Amino acid sequence: MTGQFKAFQMNYTFKRDSTYRTGVLTVSTDPGLVYAEDYTENASTGLTFVVAQSTNTVTVSYQTSSTGFDGELTYSISHLA
């Protein structure tokens, strides 16, 4: 797929042991990088997203706190503009 998108949403679920978090991360790059997150979790999952932009590339990464349990992130991305 070619072309540049100025906004997207990432719907995600993060599960770690018996804790989970489900949410939406919305990112826009016009006129500058702006992002917002809306989520629900049943207990603290220790998940933090990091969104960065370099020229025309946006990177979404995540960090987690150490709880002794592995986590699993599943997601889907929708282009908005």
C-alpha atoms as a PDB file:
ATOM      1  CA  MET A   1       0.000   0.000   0.000  1.00  0.00           C
ATOM      2  CA  THR A   2       1.374   3.418  -0.891  1.00  0.00           C
ATOM      3  CA  GLY A   3       0.473   6.864   0.381  1.00  0.00           C
ATOM      4  CA  GLN A   4       0.690   8.629   3.674  1.00  0.00           C
ATOM      5  CA  PHE A   5      -1.923   8.539   6.393  1.00  0.00           C
ATOM      6  CA  LYS A   6      -2.305  11.422   8.832  1.00  0.00           C
ATOM      7  CA  ALA A   7      -4.264   9.559  11.503  1.00  0.00           C
ATOM      8  CA  PHE A   8      -4.861   6.013  12.720  1.00  0.00           C
ATOM      9  CA  GLN A   9      -6.367   4.065  15.589  1.00  0.00           C
ATOM     10  CA  MET A  10      -4.947   1.002  17.235  1.00  0.00           C
ATOM     11  CA  ASN A  11      -7.495  -1.201  19.009  1.00  0.00           C
ATOM     12  CA  TYR A  12      -5.702  -3.511  21.411  1.00  0.00           C
ATOM     13  CA  THR A  13      -5.931  -6.017  24.211  1.00  0.00           C
ATOM     14  CA  PHE A  14      -3.062  -6.723  26.586  1.00  0.00           C
ATOM     15  CA  LYS A  15      -3.243  -9.787  28.818  1.00  0.00           C
ATOM     16  CA  ARG A  16      -0.867 -10.766  31.578  1.00  0.00           C
ATOM     17  CA  ASP A  17      -1.718 -13.662  33.886  1.00  0.00           C
ATOM     18  CA  SER A  18      -5.231 -12.788  35.166  1.00  0.00           C
ATOM     19  CA  THR A  19      -5.028  -9.058  34.393  1.00  0.00           C
ATOM     20  CA  TYR A  20      -6.112  -7.506  31.132  1.00  0.00           C
ATOM     21  CA  ARG A  21      -6.407  -4.130  29.466  1.00  0.00           C
ATOM     22  CA  THR A  22      -8.510  -3.287  26.425  1.00  0.00           C
ATOM     23  CA  GLY A  23      -8.337   0.063  24.709  1.00  0.00           C
ATOM     24  CA  VAL A  24      -7.929   2.361  21.739  1.00  0.00           C
ATOM     25  CA  LEU A  25      -4.849   4.442  20.935  1.00  0.00           C
ATOM     26  CA  THR A  26      -5.627   7.280  18.487  1.00  0.00           C
ATOM     27  CA  VAL A  27      -2.705   8.988  16.721  1.00  0.00           C
ATOM     28  CA  SER A  28      -2.724  12.071  14.479  1.00  0.00           C
ATOM     29  CA  THR A  29       0.268  13.673  12.754  1.00  0.00           C
ATOM     30  CA  ASP A  30      -1.252  16.803  11.230  1.00  0.00           C
ATOM     31  CA  PRO A  31      -0.166  19.453  12.108  1.00  0.00           C
ATOM     32  CA  GLY A  32       2.072  17.705  14.685  1.00  0.00           C
ATOM     33  CA  LEU A  33       2.174  14.425  16.586  1.00  0.00           C
ATOM     34  CA  VAL A  34      -0.783  14.121  18.958  1.00  0.00           C
ATOM     35  CA  TYR A  35      -2.100  10.961  20.549  1.00  0.00           C
ATOM     36  CA  ALA A  36      -4.700   9.915  23.101  1.00  0.00           C
ATOM     37  CA  GLU A  37      -5.548   6.628  24.745  1.00  0.00           C
ATOM     38  CA  ASP A  38      -8.807   5.339  26.188  1.00  0.00           C
ATOM     39  CA  TYR A  39      -8.722   2.014  28.028  1.00  0.00           C
ATOM     40  CA  THR A  40     -10.237  -0.218  30.688  1.00  0.00           C
ATOM     41  CA  GLU A  41      -8.300  -2.688  32.827  1.00  0.00           C
ATOM     42  CA  ASN A  42      -9.344  -5.028  35.616  1.00  0.00           C
ATOM     43  CA  ALA A  43      -6.118  -4.352  37.559  1.00  0.00           C
ATOM     44  CA  SER A  44      -2.841  -2.595  36.832  1.00  0.00           C
ATOM     45  CA  THR A  45      -1.145  -4.281  33.874  1.00  0.00           C
ATOM     46  CA  GLY A  46       1.984  -2.085  33.980  1.00  0.00           C
ATOM     47  CA  LEU A  47       1.582  -1.214  30.275  1.00  0.00           C
ATOM     48  CA  THR A  48       2.775   2.123  28.873  1.00  0.00           C
ATOM     49  CA  PHE A  49       2.721   3.090  25.188  1.00  0.00           C
ATOM     50  CA  VAL A  50       5.406   5.314  23.653  1.00  0.00           C
ATOM     51  CA  VAL A  51       4.539   7.131  20.407  1.00  0.00           C
ATOM     52  CA  ALA A  52       7.257   8.907  18.400  1.00  0.00           C
ATOM     53  CA  GLN A  53       7.594  10.463  14.970  1.00  0.00           C
ATOM     54  CA  SER A  54      10.672  10.799  12.773  1.00  0.00           C
ATOM     55  CA  THR A  55      10.016  12.622   9.499  1.00  0.00           C
ATOM     56  CA  ASN A  56       7.146  10.622   7.915  1.00  0.00           C
ATOM     57  CA  THR A  57       7.378   7.541  10.143  1.00  0.00           C
ATOM     58  CA  VAL A  58       5.364   7.067  13.341  1.00  0.00           C
ATOM     59  CA  THR A  59       6.496   4.383  15.775  1.00  0.00           C
ATOM     60  CA  VAL A  60       4.325   2.885  18.501  1.00  0.00           C
ATOM     61  CA  SER A  61       6.159   0.834  21.086  1.00  0.00           C
ATOM     62  CA  TYR A  62       5.322  -0.278  24.588  1.00  0.00           C
ATOM     63  CA  GLN A  63       6.979  -0.872  27.905  1.00  0.00           C
ATOM     64  CA  THR A  64       5.792  -2.953  30.831  1.00  0.00           C
ATOM     65  CA  SER A  65       6.680  -3.181  34.468  1.00  0.00           C
ATOM     66  CA  SER A  66       8.179  -6.393  35.761  1.00  0.00           C
ATOM     67  CA  THR A  67       5.564  -8.610  37.427  1.00  0.00           C
ATOM     68  CA  GLY A  68       7.078 -12.037  36.854  1.00  0.00           C
ATOM     69  CA  PHE A  69       4.444 -12.916  34.214  1.00  0.00           C
ATOM     70  CA  ASP A  70       4.737 -12.720  30.436  1.00  0.00           C
ATOM     71  CA  GLY A  71       2.284 -10.469  28.632  1.00  0.00           C
ATOM     72  CA  GLU A  72       0.598 -10.721  25.241  1.00  0.00           C
ATOM     73  CA  LEU A  73      -0.442  -7.729  23.111  1.00  0.00           C
ATOM     74  CA  THR A  74      -2.926  -8.237  20.269  1.00  0.00           C
ATOM     75  CA  TYR A  75      -4.008  -5.318  18.089  1.00  0.00           C
ATOM     76  CA  SER A  76      -5.577  -4.084  14.874  1.00  0.00           C
ATOM     77  CA  ILE A  77      -4.937  -0.782  13.104  1.00  0.00           C
ATOM     78  CA  SER A  78      -7.460   1.373  11.212  1.00  0.00           C
ATOM     79  CA  HIS A  79      -6.378   4.267   9.002  1.00  0.00           C
ATOM     80  CA  LEU A  80      -8.533   7.350   9.638  1.00  0.00           C
ATOM     81  CA  ALA A  81      -7.189   9.941   7.210  1.00  0.00           C
END
